[in-house]
Each structure stands twice: as C-alpha cells, then as structure tokens.
Amino acid sequence: MLSNRTILVLTTAVAPALWGTTYLTTTVLLPDDRPLLVATTRALPAGVRLLAICRRWPRGEWRWKSGVLGILNIGAFFALLFIAAYRLPGGVAAIVGGLQPLVVALLASRVLQERLTAWVVLAGTSGVFGVCLIVLQAQARLDAIGLLAAVGGTVSMASGIVLTKKWGQPAPPLTTTAWQPITGGLFLLVLMLAIEGFPTTPLTFPNIMGFTYLSGVGTAFAYVLWFHSIARLPVSTTAFLGLLSPVVAILLGWMIAGEHLTLIQLSGIVIVLLSIAAATVSKTARPVRVIEGLTNDPTR
C-alpha cells in the first residue's frame, strides 16, 4: 500500500506534467505572435470556471493577498512564460525552470525558515546539471529575450510558491485557486489591451481547441492539484516536482514535433528524474547538516 504522502506526491506530479504540454500546445495550436492574448485566454476563463463552482470571493486582507499571489503565480508568470515559449525552441523555455527548486529552497530558508540542507542543494544542483545537458544539446538558436523571460517567470513563480506557503490558505484549495486566475487574468487582460490590443483575425478551430485545453486542463485542473499540495508538502519538495515539466516538454517535442533527442539529453532526463526522487524522499532520509550561511534559522 502506498503511504498518504506518496499518493500526495504522485497526485501533485500530475500538475507539472500537464504544464509540460504547454510548450507544444503553444507552438502547434495557438496564434502566432500573441503571447499576452494566449496568457489571458488561458488564465481568465479558468478562474471564471472555478469561481462559478466555489462562488466565494476573498475577504479582508485576502483581497490584496490573492492579488499579489495572482500576479506572481499567474499574471506575471504566464506573460513571461508565453513570451519565452514564442521566442525559444521546443522545451527550452520549460528547461530554464530547472533553476526553480534552488530558488524556492533559498527563499524558503529565508522566509519560512525551512532547512536548506546539503541534500537539497545537491539534488537541486544535479537537477540543474541534468537540464543543462538537455539544453546544451538543443539544435536551435537561443533568443536572449526569450531566456530572460523564462528566468523571470521562474523567479516569479518561485516567489509565489513561497508566499502561498507563508500566508496559508483561508479556504479550500478549489476556492483559493479560483481567486488567483481571476486576479492574474485581469492583470493580463489590461496588459494585453495596452500592448497587443484586440485580436485582428478570427480564431481558428485549432486555436479554440488549444485555448480550451490550456485553460481547463493545464490551468484550472492542474493548479487545484498544485495549491492543494503546497499546503501539505514542504515547498522545496513541491518545487522539485516542477522539474517534470521540462522533461515532459522535451519528450513531447521528440515524440510529436520530431525534435532530435540525443543520448546526452536522455542522460540529462535520467539525472533530472533522480534529483526529483532524491528531493521527495529527503524528509525520510538521514538528516544532513545545514550548510552554514544559507539559512537564518537561529535554532540550527
């Protein structure tokens, strides 16, 4: 029988696996050169769907807290994500997210006083090394703006994860998840109208299918799973599961888009999966000394 924690980890892993399909969906099904339209159409309908189910608005301080989290986890993150997806090849935009576990672990040590152990740093470094093996073998030109957008998206979501854990959840995950695509989607709508304007060409059937999938499955469903786990798992564990996204992205690029996959890239995927496994069992592993200077916990 699987333990409750193992079931929770496996359930949570579904979310980043679904996010890994974003890059192929964007390049194959969605309109060209409209990243903010794509981001808005992914976020806002998802929030409306969830809000129609829970029918509860944030109250008190959660009016501004849900706004901050909505911008970090959805608004700014989606905008940067789709800019990166349009300007970078295949799964490269997702692969930059390999830095996220280390960013989250460092922020959590400062904000949440979670222990930043040598085990976590080793697993995070291995994960970054694994994704580097994949990136360095990509047969495509890397765009500087796209890379900056990908890094910015990683930092934005890492900050959102840590603040979500710090502030807690005043309502069930379905409800708190609904607030964030609403506020983040409204932020994106204003940004889209200011920068891109309204669409000038009608959407095609593939466009509509892509938007429907990303909004319903890749956002509403996936984020409910994600925020449910943040309340119950250490944030560093949750962040490491996010490494499944680039793995799924690069494998889909190989299986469906015909992208070249080398032995070195396969080795990188194996290393990434091992780093995820190492991080998710770290709480049951033998305690490791906290690295000096990387935590502000006065009791350690």
Protein backbone atom coordinates (compact mmCIF):
# COMPACT_ATOMS: atom_id res chain seq x y z
CA MET A 1 0.00 0.00 0.00
CA LEU A 2 1.23 3.47 -0.82
CA SER A 3 1.52 5.95 2.03
CA ASN A 4 -0.62 9.09 2.09
CA ARG A 5 2.49 11.19 1.41
CA THR A 6 3.43 9.09 -1.62
CA ILE A 7 -0.09 9.40 -3.03
CA LEU A 8 0.04 13.17 -2.46
CA VAL A 9 3.41 13.44 -4.24
CA LEU A 10 2.18 11.39 -7.20
CA THR A 11 -1.03 13.41 -7.43
CA THR A 12 0.94 16.66 -7.31
CA ALA A 13 3.26 15.42 -10.06
CA VAL A 14 0.31 15.43 -12.47
CA ALA A 15 0.26 19.27 -12.44
CA PRO A 16 3.82 19.93 -13.74
CA ALA A 17 3.44 17.03 -16.18
CA LEU A 18 0.42 18.82 -17.65
CA TRP A 19 2.33 22.11 -17.72
CA GLY A 20 4.98 20.38 -19.78
CA THR A 21 2.43 20.12 -22.59
CA THR A 22 2.07 23.93 -22.72
CA TYR A 23 5.04 24.48 -25.00
CA LEU A 24 3.96 22.03 -27.69
CA THR A 25 0.36 23.27 -27.49
CA THR A 26 1.53 26.86 -27.89
CA THR A 27 3.71 26.25 -30.92
CA VAL A 28 1.30 23.88 -32.71
CA LEU A 29 -2.23 25.10 -31.93
CA LEU A 30 -2.16 28.72 -30.79
CA PRO A 31 -1.96 32.02 -32.76
CA ASP A 32 1.47 33.33 -33.72
CA ASP A 33 3.00 36.37 -32.02
CA ARG A 34 0.22 36.91 -29.46
CA PRO A 35 1.76 35.77 -26.13
CA LEU A 36 -0.37 38.07 -23.97
CA LEU A 37 -3.58 37.00 -25.71
CA VAL A 38 -2.64 33.37 -25.08
CA ALA A 39 -1.77 34.05 -21.43
CA THR A 40 -5.01 35.97 -20.82
CA THR A 41 -7.21 33.39 -22.53
CA ARG A 42 -5.56 30.66 -20.50
CA ALA A 43 -5.93 32.34 -17.11
CA LEU A 44 -9.18 34.30 -17.01
CA PRO A 45 -11.59 31.59 -18.25
CA ALA A 46 -10.02 29.12 -15.81
CA GLY A 47 -10.68 31.49 -12.91
CA VAL A 48 -14.27 32.09 -14.06
CA ARG A 49 -14.91 28.34 -14.24
CA LEU A 50 -13.55 27.72 -10.75
CA LEU A 51 -15.31 30.74 -9.27
CA ALA A 52 -18.61 29.53 -10.73
CA ILE A 53 -18.11 26.32 -8.75
CA CYS A 54 -16.97 27.73 -5.39
CA ARG A 55 -18.92 31.04 -5.52
CA ARG A 56 -16.80 32.73 -2.89
CA TRP A 57 -14.78 35.94 -3.16
CA PRO A 58 -11.76 36.78 -0.96
CA ARG A 59 -12.43 38.87 2.14
CA GLY A 60 -10.37 41.16 4.36
CA GLU A 61 -6.62 41.07 3.83
CA TRP A 62 -7.06 38.27 1.31
CA ARG A 63 -8.32 40.81 -1.20
CA TRP A 64 -4.78 42.13 -1.63
CA LYS A 65 -3.01 38.86 -0.81
CA SER A 66 -4.86 36.98 -3.53
CA GLY A 67 -3.98 39.85 -5.88
CA VAL A 68 -0.27 39.54 -5.12
CA LEU A 69 -0.34 35.75 -5.46
CA GLY A 70 -2.42 36.00 -8.63
CA ILE A 71 0.17 38.25 -10.26
CA LEU A 72 3.17 36.19 -9.15
CA ASN A 73 1.73 32.71 -9.82
CA ILE A 74 -0.46 33.57 -12.80
CA GLY A 75 -0.26 37.10 -14.25
CA ALA A 76 3.46 37.84 -14.47
CA PHE A 77 4.34 34.16 -14.72
CA PHE A 78 2.03 33.44 -17.65
CA ALA A 79 3.08 36.59 -19.52
CA LEU A 80 6.77 35.71 -19.22
CA LEU A 81 6.08 32.03 -19.87
CA PHE A 82 4.40 32.63 -23.22
CA ILE A 83 6.93 35.26 -24.30
CA ALA A 84 9.59 32.63 -23.67
CA ALA A 85 7.56 29.92 -25.41
CA TYR A 86 7.21 32.03 -28.55
CA ARG A 87 10.87 33.04 -28.67
CA LEU A 88 12.57 29.78 -27.65
CA PRO A 89 12.60 26.38 -29.37
CA GLY A 90 10.70 23.32 -28.17
CA GLY A 91 11.12 22.58 -24.49
CA VAL A 92 13.96 25.02 -23.84
CA ALA A 93 11.68 27.56 -22.14
CA ALA A 94 10.49 24.91 -19.71
CA ILE A 95 14.01 23.65 -19.12
CA VAL A 96 15.08 27.03 -17.71
CA GLY A 97 12.61 26.25 -14.95
CA GLY A 98 15.17 23.74 -13.69
CA LEU A 99 16.55 26.61 -11.61
CA GLN A 100 13.28 26.94 -9.72
CA PRO A 101 13.89 24.33 -6.97
CA LEU A 102 17.10 26.06 -5.91
CA VAL A 103 15.41 29.48 -5.97
CA VAL A 104 12.50 28.15 -3.92
CA ALA A 105 14.78 26.40 -1.44
CA LEU A 106 16.81 29.57 -0.89
CA LEU A 107 13.71 31.76 -0.49
CA ALA A 108 12.10 29.21 1.85
CA SER A 109 15.20 29.21 4.07
CA ARG A 110 14.90 32.99 4.41
CA VAL A 111 11.14 33.46 4.54
CA LEU A 112 9.84 30.18 6.02
CA GLN A 113 12.92 29.08 7.98
CA GLU A 114 12.86 25.73 6.19
CA ARG A 115 16.20 23.95 6.49
CA LEU A 116 18.42 24.34 3.46
CA THR A 117 20.39 21.10 3.68
CA ALA A 118 23.30 19.80 1.70
CA TRP A 119 20.96 17.07 0.43
CA VAL A 120 18.55 19.60 -1.07
CA VAL A 121 21.35 21.67 -2.60
CA LEU A 122 22.95 18.54 -4.09
CA ALA A 123 19.62 17.40 -5.55
CA GLY A 124 18.95 20.90 -6.91
CA THR A 125 22.40 21.19 -8.44
CA SER A 126 22.00 17.77 -10.03
CA GLY A 127 18.66 18.84 -11.45
CA VAL A 128 20.20 21.97 -12.97
CA PHE A 129 23.04 19.87 -14.40
CA GLY A 130 20.53 17.47 -15.91
CA VAL A 131 18.53 20.20 -17.62
CA CYS A 132 21.76 21.79 -18.84
CA LEU A 133 22.61 18.54 -20.62
CA ILE A 134 19.26 18.80 -22.37
CA VAL A 135 19.57 22.50 -23.21
CA LEU A 136 23.12 22.33 -24.47
CA GLN A 137 22.12 19.67 -26.99
CA ALA A 138 19.13 21.58 -28.37
CA GLN A 139 19.58 22.05 -32.12
CA ALA A 140 18.27 25.63 -32.25
CA ARG A 141 19.33 29.22 -31.71
CA LEU A 142 18.61 30.57 -28.20
CA ASP A 143 16.99 34.01 -28.04
CA ALA A 144 18.24 36.37 -25.29
CA ILE A 145 14.85 37.97 -24.64
CA GLY A 146 13.24 34.55 -24.51
CA LEU A 147 15.79 33.32 -21.97
CA LEU A 148 15.34 36.43 -19.80
CA ALA A 149 11.57 35.92 -19.90
CA ALA A 150 11.97 32.27 -18.89
CA VAL A 151 14.23 33.19 -15.97
CA GLY A 152 11.86 35.97 -14.90
CA GLY A 153 8.94 33.54 -14.97
CA THR A 154 10.87 31.09 -12.83
CA VAL A 155 11.62 33.74 -10.19
CA SER A 156 8.02 34.98 -10.25
CA MET A 157 6.53 31.56 -9.63
CA ALA A 158 9.16 30.64 -7.04
CA SER A 159 8.23 33.77 -5.07
CA GLY A 160 4.54 32.91 -5.42
CA ILE A 161 5.09 29.38 -4.12
CA VAL A 162 6.91 30.60 -1.02
CA LEU A 163 4.35 33.32 -0.25
CA THR A 164 1.49 30.86 -0.77
CA LYS A 165 3.06 28.62 1.87
CA LYS A 166 3.78 31.53 4.23
CA TRP A 167 0.30 33.05 4.08
CA GLY A 168 -1.56 29.75 4.17
CA GLN A 169 -4.95 29.10 2.61
CA PRO A 170 -8.08 30.58 4.28
CA ALA A 171 -10.42 28.42 2.19
CA PRO A 172 -10.37 25.05 0.37
CA PRO A 173 -7.84 24.75 -2.49
CA LEU A 174 -10.57 24.99 -5.13
CA THR A 175 -11.60 28.39 -3.77
CA THR A 176 -8.14 29.87 -3.26
CA THR A 177 -7.13 28.59 -6.69
CA ALA A 178 -10.10 30.37 -8.29
CA TRP A 179 -9.03 33.75 -6.91
CA GLN A 180 -5.60 33.67 -8.50
CA PRO A 181 -6.53 33.10 -12.18
CA ILE A 182 -9.19 35.80 -11.77
CA THR A 183 -6.81 38.46 -10.43
CA GLY A 184 -3.91 37.30 -12.60
CA GLY A 185 -6.18 37.10 -15.64
CA LEU A 186 -7.48 40.65 -15.12
CA PHE A 187 -3.87 41.86 -14.83
CA LEU A 188 -3.07 40.09 -18.10
CA LEU A 189 -6.17 41.49 -19.80
CA VAL A 190 -5.07 45.07 -19.05
CA LEU A 191 -1.54 44.25 -20.19
CA MET A 192 -2.79 42.65 -23.39
CA LEU A 193 -5.06 45.57 -24.31
CA ALA A 194 -2.27 48.06 -23.63
CA ILE A 195 0.43 46.23 -25.59
CA GLU A 196 -1.18 43.90 -28.15
CA GLY A 197 -4.73 45.21 -28.48
CA PHE A 198 -7.73 43.14 -29.55
CA PRO A 199 -7.21 40.24 -31.97
CA THR A 200 -7.48 41.39 -35.58
CA THR A 201 -8.01 37.93 -37.09
CA PRO A 202 -10.64 35.34 -36.13
CA LEU A 203 -9.58 32.33 -34.10
CA THR A 204 -9.33 29.03 -35.92
CA PHE A 205 -10.67 25.71 -34.68
CA PRO A 206 -7.15 24.55 -33.60
CA ASN A 207 -6.76 27.86 -31.72
CA ILE A 208 -10.00 27.26 -29.83
CA MET A 209 -9.02 23.67 -29.01
CA GLY A 210 -5.64 24.84 -27.72
CA PHE A 211 -7.17 27.57 -25.56
CA THR A 212 -9.79 25.17 -24.18
CA TYR A 213 -7.17 22.60 -23.24
CA LEU A 214 -4.77 25.07 -21.62
CA SER A 215 -7.50 26.85 -19.67
CA GLY A 216 -9.42 23.82 -18.48
CA VAL A 217 -6.79 21.11 -18.04
CA GLY A 218 -3.48 22.97 -17.94
CA THR A 219 -4.70 25.71 -15.59
CA ALA A 220 -7.94 25.07 -13.68
CA PHE A 221 -7.34 21.36 -13.01
CA ALA A 222 -3.55 21.50 -12.67
CA TYR A 223 -3.46 24.48 -10.32
CA VAL A 224 -6.05 23.00 -7.96
CA LEU A 225 -3.72 20.00 -7.56
CA TRP A 226 -0.70 22.27 -7.18
CA PHE A 227 -2.07 24.56 -4.46
CA HIS A 228 -3.56 21.59 -2.62
CA SER A 229 -0.05 20.16 -2.30
CA ILE A 230 1.65 23.40 -1.28
CA ALA A 231 -0.38 23.43 1.94
CA ARG A 232 0.67 19.85 2.75
CA LEU A 233 4.23 19.38 1.47
CA PRO A 234 7.47 21.29 2.08
CA VAL A 235 7.75 23.92 -0.65
CA SER A 236 11.13 22.58 -1.76
CA THR A 237 9.55 19.17 -2.42
CA THR A 238 6.76 20.76 -4.43
CA ALA A 239 9.26 22.84 -6.41
CA PHE A 240 11.33 19.77 -7.35
CA LEU A 241 8.23 18.13 -8.80
CA GLY A 242 8.12 21.11 -11.15
CA LEU A 243 11.15 19.64 -12.91
CA LEU A 244 8.79 17.15 -14.53
CA SER A 245 7.58 19.97 -16.76
CA PRO A 246 10.77 20.28 -18.87
CA VAL A 247 11.10 16.50 -19.02
CA VAL A 248 7.58 16.15 -20.43
CA ALA A 249 8.16 19.11 -22.76
CA ILE A 250 11.32 17.72 -24.30
CA LEU A 251 9.86 14.20 -24.64
CA LEU A 252 6.75 15.56 -26.37
CA GLY A 253 8.96 17.60 -28.68
CA TRP A 254 10.75 14.39 -29.61
CA MET A 255 7.67 12.14 -29.94
CA ILE A 256 5.27 14.56 -31.64
CA ALA A 257 7.19 17.51 -33.08
CA GLY A 258 10.04 15.41 -34.47
CA GLU A 259 12.77 17.18 -32.48
CA HIS A 260 16.12 15.41 -32.21
CA LEU A 261 16.85 13.67 -28.90
CA THR A 262 20.44 12.58 -28.24
CA LEU A 263 21.94 10.14 -25.76
CA ILE A 264 23.31 13.06 -23.74
CA GLN A 265 19.84 14.55 -23.50
CA LEU A 266 18.47 11.20 -22.34
CA SER A 267 21.18 11.15 -19.68
CA GLY A 268 20.06 14.60 -18.59
CA ILE A 269 16.47 13.40 -18.28
CA VAL A 270 17.59 10.49 -16.10
CA ILE A 271 19.58 12.84 -13.86
CA VAL A 272 16.59 15.15 -13.51
CA LEU A 273 14.31 12.27 -12.52
CA LEU A 274 16.86 11.05 -9.98
CA SER A 275 17.12 14.54 -8.47
CA ILE A 276 13.33 14.66 -8.11
CA ALA A 277 13.34 11.27 -6.41
CA ALA A 278 16.15 12.36 -4.07
CA ALA A 279 14.33 15.54 -3.08
CA THR A 280 10.97 13.88 -2.47
CA VAL A 281 12.48 11.32 -0.07
CA SER A 282 14.75 13.82 1.68
CA LYS A 283 12.40 14.17 4.67
CA THR A 284 12.73 10.48 5.43
CA ALA A 285 16.42 10.30 4.67
CA ARG A 286 19.13 10.62 7.24
CA PRO A 287 19.38 14.24 8.47
CA VAL A 288 22.11 16.27 6.79
CA ARG A 289 23.94 19.22 8.30
CA VAL A 290 22.59 22.62 7.28
CA ILE A 291 25.00 24.50 5.06
CA GLU A 292 26.47 27.40 7.00
CA GLY A 293 25.44 30.85 5.86
CA LEU A 294 22.48 29.63 3.78
CA THR A 295 19.81 29.63 6.49
CA ASN A 296 18.67 32.17 9.01
CA ASP A 297 17.15 29.63 11.38
CA PRO A 298 18.72 30.53 14.77
CA THR A 299 17.95 27.10 16.22
CA ARG A 300 20.10 25.23 13.68
